[in-house]
């Protein structure tokens, strides 16, 4: 279990963050396809926090409970619920014809079984849950 790993919100630390998350995922999943999917979801969430939160630090937690992997990403930046402004993404459109933004939110809301957001005690909490019945070993 990863509990409140603290990182400065710096892009250069993204590989280190993803490495820790991936190591945790591999404790519960051996299927490389699902490991990569969960890593991509985590990366999209982290990049958005790093680029837009205006927070000096972010916190990452990952726990396994009731056959689910539960990721929580916390920052003290500007309140922002990405689920409220979920833009329509035309994944069939040519890359030049797609609008900017929204693909990351589309990816993690599609891959994960449940996404929750709350603003609590002055902090953004984005929680992503994957049921491992689908992503079994």
Protein backbone atom coordinates (compact mmCIF):
# COMPACT_ATOMS: atom_id res chain seq x y z
CA UNK A 1 0.00 0.00 0.00
CA UNK A 2 1.20 3.48 -0.86
CA UNK A 3 -0.04 6.05 1.60
CA UNK A 4 0.29 9.79 1.04
CA UNK A 5 3.53 9.75 -0.91
CA UNK A 6 4.49 13.41 -1.09
CA UNK A 7 6.04 14.97 -4.18
CA UNK A 8 6.72 18.52 -5.31
CA UNK A 9 4.56 19.27 -8.36
CA UNK A 10 7.43 19.12 -10.83
CA UNK A 11 7.30 17.39 -14.22
CA UNK A 12 10.83 16.09 -13.83
CA UNK A 13 9.59 13.88 -10.97
CA UNK A 14 6.84 12.28 -13.06
CA UNK A 15 8.93 9.18 -13.99
CA UNK A 16 9.71 8.60 -10.30
CA UNK A 17 6.03 8.93 -9.35
CA UNK A 18 4.94 6.55 -12.11
CA UNK A 19 7.62 4.04 -11.17
CA UNK A 20 6.33 3.90 -7.57
CA UNK A 21 2.73 3.57 -8.78
CA UNK A 22 3.66 0.85 -11.29
CA UNK A 23 5.56 -1.11 -8.63
CA UNK A 24 2.44 -1.03 -6.47
CA UNK A 25 0.15 -2.10 -9.33
CA UNK A 26 2.41 -5.06 -10.08
CA UNK A 27 1.80 -6.42 -6.59
CA UNK A 28 -1.79 -7.14 -7.62
CA UNK A 29 -1.81 -7.45 -11.43
CA UNK A 30 0.51 -9.37 -13.72
CA UNK A 31 -1.24 -8.62 -17.02
CA UNK A 32 1.00 -6.06 -18.80
CA UNK A 33 -1.95 -4.62 -20.73
CA UNK A 34 -3.73 -3.69 -17.49
CA UNK A 35 -0.55 -2.51 -15.82
CA UNK A 36 0.02 -0.11 -18.72
CA UNK A 37 -3.61 1.06 -18.75
CA UNK A 38 -3.50 1.92 -15.06
CA UNK A 39 -0.15 3.62 -15.51
CA UNK A 40 -1.56 5.76 -18.35
CA UNK A 41 -4.53 6.76 -16.18
CA UNK A 42 -2.20 7.75 -13.37
CA UNK A 43 0.03 9.69 -15.72
CA UNK A 44 -2.89 11.67 -17.16
CA UNK A 45 -4.10 12.59 -13.69
CA UNK A 46 -0.63 13.53 -12.46
CA UNK A 47 0.18 15.67 -15.51
CA UNK A 48 -3.03 17.64 -15.03
CA UNK A 49 -2.26 18.22 -11.35
CA UNK A 50 1.33 19.24 -12.08
CA UNK A 51 0.40 21.56 -14.94
CA UNK A 52 -2.77 23.19 -13.59
CA UNK A 53 -3.23 22.85 -9.84
CA UNK A 54 -1.04 25.74 -8.63
CA UNK A 55 -0.14 23.52 -5.69
CA UNK A 56 3.43 23.13 -4.46
CA UNK A 57 2.91 19.48 -3.51
CA UNK A 58 0.80 16.50 -4.41
CA UNK A 59 0.09 13.29 -2.56
CA UNK A 60 -0.43 9.83 -4.00
CA UNK A 61 -2.05 6.86 -2.30
CA UNK A 62 -2.83 3.42 -3.66
CA UNK A 63 -4.52 0.65 -1.74
CA UNK A 64 -6.01 -2.75 -2.45
CA UNK A 65 -9.31 -3.48 -0.78
CA UNK A 66 -12.23 -5.80 -1.66
CA UNK A 67 -10.58 -6.80 -4.94
CA UNK A 68 -10.26 -3.17 -6.03
CA UNK A 69 -7.24 -0.96 -6.57
CA UNK A 70 -8.03 2.49 -5.25
CA UNK A 71 -5.81 5.39 -6.26
CA UNK A 72 -6.10 8.79 -4.61
CA UNK A 73 -4.40 11.93 -5.86
CA UNK A 74 -4.52 14.97 -3.56
CA UNK A 75 -3.35 18.55 -4.05
CA UNK A 76 -3.97 21.87 -2.32
CA UNK A 77 -4.42 23.80 -5.54
CA UNK A 78 -7.34 25.66 -6.99
CA UNK A 79 -10.55 23.64 -6.58
CA UNK A 80 -11.16 21.76 -9.82
CA UNK A 81 -13.51 18.89 -10.53
CA UNK A 82 -12.53 17.40 -13.91
CA UNK A 83 -15.74 15.37 -13.96
CA UNK A 84 -17.93 18.49 -14.18
CA UNK A 85 -16.42 19.70 -17.44
CA UNK A 86 -15.98 16.38 -19.18
CA UNK A 87 -15.65 17.47 -22.81
CA UNK A 88 -16.95 15.37 -25.66
CA UNK A 89 -14.07 13.58 -27.35
CA UNK A 90 -14.41 12.27 -30.89
CA UNK A 91 -11.90 9.43 -30.83
CA UNK A 92 -12.71 8.60 -34.46
CA UNK A 93 -11.77 12.06 -35.74
CA UNK A 94 -8.41 12.69 -37.36
CA UNK A 95 -5.86 14.07 -34.92
CA UNK A 96 -5.83 17.45 -36.73
CA UNK A 97 -9.61 17.72 -36.39
CA UNK A 98 -9.86 17.00 -32.66
CA UNK A 99 -10.27 19.78 -30.18
CA UNK A 100 -7.59 20.42 -27.61
CA UNK A 101 -8.06 18.86 -24.20
CA UNK A 102 -10.31 16.27 -22.71
CA UNK A 103 -8.61 13.11 -23.98
CA UNK A 104 -6.94 12.37 -20.63
CA UNK A 105 -10.23 12.68 -18.74
CA UNK A 106 -11.88 10.48 -21.38
CA UNK A 107 -9.14 7.85 -20.94
CA UNK A 108 -9.27 7.55 -17.20
CA UNK A 109 -13.06 7.72 -16.96
CA UNK A 110 -13.28 4.96 -19.58
CA UNK A 111 -10.57 2.67 -18.20
CA UNK A 112 -11.35 3.01 -14.51
CA UNK A 113 -14.57 1.59 -13.04
CA UNK A 114 -15.25 4.58 -10.84
CA UNK A 115 -13.90 8.13 -10.57
CA UNK A 116 -14.80 10.38 -7.66
CA UNK A 117 -13.90 13.95 -6.85
CA UNK A 118 -14.25 15.90 -3.65
CA UNK A 119 -12.86 19.14 -2.31
CA UNK A 120 -12.23 18.66 1.38
CA UNK A 121 -10.21 20.59 3.96
CA UNK A 122 -8.88 22.90 1.24
CA UNK A 123 -7.68 20.04 -0.96
CA UNK A 124 -8.70 18.40 -4.22
CA UNK A 125 -9.12 14.63 -3.96
CA UNK A 126 -9.40 12.63 -7.17
CA UNK A 127 -10.11 8.97 -6.51
CA UNK A 128 -9.85 6.36 -9.26
CA UNK A 129 -11.01 2.81 -8.64
CA UNK A 130 -10.42 -0.31 -10.74
CA UNK A 131 -12.16 -3.59 -9.94
CA UNK A 132 -9.62 -6.36 -10.45
CA UNK A 133 -12.20 -8.93 -11.52
CA UNK A 134 -11.75 -7.54 -15.03
CA UNK A 135 -8.00 -7.06 -14.79
CA UNK A 136 -7.16 -10.42 -13.26
CA UNK A 137 -3.78 -12.08 -13.44
